[in-house]
Amino acid sequence: MNRNSYWLGYILLLFVVVASYTGFAFFKIYRYSRLSGETLPQTVHWVSDKRAEDDFVLVSDYTFNWEGKSYQGHMDDSEHYLNDWASQEALNKLNQRTFQVWFDPSNPGFSTLTKSFPIKYSIYAGLLWLLFFYFIWLGNSVKNRL
């Protein structure tokens, strides 16, 4: 490995970034794995929320029952719309869909209407590790040639 202090500092900084992003990806996977229970919601109410002049988000409030208790949930849709008309069109489509509530059986207050595996974060974490190991290989390669 190249013993240049700048190179080692760069590798250390790269390691901190890669490890941080990997931790973030594992946190997303952990949150996904917690959502093992599912049930039908009692009520789902969607509204369009204006966040900025050109940023509209669909927001839902829902209730569901689990083991004789009623729980409430709140969720912001991940998609953003540029104007009110587009958000209203999406709102009409969402009002026609049926949803399932995904929740943590040990803590039903942790729930959502959409459950999707964080594949993007997992792939990015893997690519960052490949990049990290490439730079370590590059440092060894340069050292051996000098």
Protein backbone atom coordinates (compact mmCIF):
# COMPACT_ATOMS: atom_id res chain seq x y z
CA MET A 1 0.00 0.00 0.00
CA ASN A 2 1.19 3.47 -0.80
CA ARG A 3 2.47 5.15 2.40
CA ASN A 4 1.92 8.71 1.21
CA SER A 5 0.07 10.56 3.98
CA TYR A 6 -2.25 12.30 1.51
CA TRP A 7 -3.13 8.97 -0.07
CA LEU A 8 -3.80 7.37 3.30
CA GLY A 9 -5.95 10.36 4.29
CA TYR A 10 -7.91 9.99 1.06
CA ILE A 11 -8.41 6.26 1.65
CA LEU A 12 -9.52 6.95 5.23
CA LEU A 13 -11.99 9.60 4.06
CA LEU A 14 -13.30 7.25 1.38
CA PHE A 15 -13.70 4.50 3.99
CA VAL A 16 -15.71 6.81 6.26
CA VAL A 17 -18.02 7.76 3.38
CA VAL A 18 -18.48 4.14 2.26
CA ALA A 19 -19.07 2.88 5.81
CA SER A 20 -21.56 5.69 6.50
CA TYR A 21 -23.53 5.00 3.35
CA THR A 22 -23.47 1.26 4.07
CA GLY A 23 -24.84 1.93 7.54
CA PHE A 24 -27.59 4.05 5.99
CA ALA A 25 -28.41 1.22 3.55
CA PHE A 26 -28.54 -1.33 6.37
CA PHE A 27 -30.84 0.98 8.33
CA LYS A 28 -33.20 1.10 5.32
CA ILE A 29 -33.09 -2.70 5.03
CA TYR A 30 -33.77 -3.02 8.76
CA ARG A 31 -36.81 -0.74 8.49
CA TYR A 32 -38.03 -2.80 5.52
CA SER A 33 -37.63 -6.06 7.41
CA ARG A 34 -39.60 -4.72 10.40
CA LEU A 35 -42.72 -4.38 8.24
CA SER A 36 -43.73 -8.04 8.41
CA GLY A 37 -47.39 -7.65 9.40
CA GLU A 38 -50.09 -6.70 6.95
CA THR A 39 -53.77 -5.89 7.16
CA LEU A 40 -56.41 -3.91 5.34
CA PRO A 41 -56.91 -0.30 6.43
CA GLN A 42 -60.21 0.86 7.89
CA THR A 43 -59.93 4.32 6.32
CA VAL A 44 -57.50 5.95 3.92
CA HIS A 45 -57.70 9.68 3.25
CA TRP A 46 -55.41 11.30 0.65
CA VAL A 47 -54.85 15.05 0.24
CA SER A 48 -52.55 17.14 -1.91
CA ASP A 49 -50.09 19.20 0.14
CA LYS A 50 -48.40 22.25 -1.36
CA ARG A 51 -44.79 22.35 -0.09
CA ALA A 52 -43.50 25.10 -2.39
CA GLU A 53 -44.62 27.05 -5.44
CA ASP A 54 -43.82 24.10 -7.73
CA ASP A 55 -43.77 21.18 -5.30
CA PHE A 56 -46.92 19.22 -4.46
CA VAL A 57 -46.91 15.99 -2.46
CA LEU A 58 -49.73 13.55 -1.76
CA VAL A 59 -50.21 12.87 1.94
CA SER A 60 -52.32 10.11 3.47
CA ASP A 61 -53.84 9.56 6.87
CA TYR A 62 -55.09 6.06 7.53
CA THR A 63 -56.38 3.90 10.35
CA PHE A 64 -56.19 0.16 10.84
CA ASN A 65 -57.02 -2.38 13.51
CA TRP A 66 -54.60 -4.89 14.96
CA GLU A 67 -55.41 -7.28 17.80
CA GLY A 68 -58.47 -5.30 18.84
CA LYS A 69 -56.74 -1.90 18.93
CA SER A 70 -57.06 0.93 16.43
CA TYR A 71 -53.90 2.57 15.10
CA GLN A 72 -53.41 5.67 13.00
CA GLY A 73 -50.74 6.24 10.40
CA HIS A 74 -49.48 9.12 8.30
CA MET A 75 -47.50 8.80 5.09
CA ASP A 76 -46.05 11.19 2.52
CA ASP A 77 -45.96 9.81 -1.00
CA SER A 78 -42.45 9.65 -2.46
CA GLU A 79 -43.48 11.24 -5.75
CA HIS A 80 -43.50 15.02 -6.12
CA TYR A 81 -45.62 16.97 -8.61
CA LEU A 82 -44.91 20.31 -10.26
CA ASN A 83 -48.45 21.69 -10.18
CA ASP A 84 -51.79 21.22 -8.47
CA TRP A 85 -53.42 19.75 -11.57
CA ALA A 86 -50.91 16.87 -11.75
CA SER A 87 -51.26 16.15 -8.05
CA GLN A 88 -55.07 16.12 -8.32
CA GLU A 89 -54.88 13.65 -11.21
CA ALA A 90 -52.65 11.37 -9.14
CA LEU A 91 -54.95 11.87 -6.16
CA ASN A 92 -57.94 10.65 -8.19
CA LYS A 93 -56.01 7.51 -9.20
CA LEU A 94 -54.93 6.81 -5.62
CA ASN A 95 -58.48 7.18 -4.31
CA GLN A 96 -59.55 4.34 -6.63
CA ARG A 97 -56.81 1.94 -5.43
CA THR A 98 -57.07 -0.44 -2.54
CA PHE A 99 -54.15 -0.49 -0.14
CA GLN A 100 -52.66 -2.79 2.45
CA VAL A 101 -51.12 -1.48 5.63
CA TRP A 102 -47.66 -2.88 6.36
CA PHE A 103 -46.64 -2.64 10.00
CA ASP A 104 -44.33 -3.96 12.68
CA PRO A 105 -46.33 -6.50 14.75
CA SER A 106 -44.33 -5.70 17.90
CA ASN A 107 -44.90 -1.94 17.40
CA PRO A 108 -47.97 -1.34 15.18
CA GLY A 109 -47.42 2.42 15.37
CA PHE A 110 -44.62 1.88 12.83
CA SER A 111 -46.61 1.40 9.63
CA THR A 112 -46.86 2.41 5.99
CA LEU A 113 -49.07 1.91 2.95
CA THR A 114 -46.16 1.10 0.63
CA LYS A 115 -43.45 -1.46 1.20
CA SER A 116 -40.55 -1.60 -1.21
CA PHE A 117 -37.11 -3.11 -0.75
CA PRO A 118 -34.35 -0.46 -0.78
CA ILE A 119 -32.61 -2.00 -3.78
CA LYS A 120 -31.11 1.29 -4.96
CA TYR A 121 -29.36 1.90 -1.64
CA SER A 122 -28.10 -1.69 -1.55
CA ILE A 123 -26.65 -1.50 -5.05
CA TYR A 124 -25.04 1.88 -4.38
CA ALA A 125 -23.44 0.55 -1.17
CA GLY A 126 -22.03 -2.42 -3.10
CA LEU A 127 -20.68 -0.14 -5.82
CA LEU A 128 -19.07 2.11 -3.23
CA TRP A 129 -17.30 -0.89 -1.68
CA LEU A 130 -16.07 -1.93 -5.13
CA LEU A 131 -14.77 1.61 -5.67
CA PHE A 132 -13.07 1.56 -2.26
CA PHE A 133 -11.31 -1.75 -3.00
CA TYR A 134 -10.36 -0.48 -6.46
CA PHE A 135 -8.57 2.49 -4.90
CA ILE A 136 -6.75 0.19 -2.47
CA TRP A 137 -5.68 -1.97 -5.43
CA LEU A 138 -4.64 1.16 -7.30
CA GLY A 139 -2.48 2.28 -4.37
CA ASN A 140 -0.76 -1.10 -4.27
CA SER A 141 -0.31 -1.09 -8.02
CA VAL A 142 1.31 2.35 -8.03
CA LYS A 143 3.59 1.42 -5.11
CA ASN A 144 4.79 -1.71 -6.89
CA ARG A 145 5.62 0.20 -10.06
CA LEU A 146 7.66 2.89 -8.34
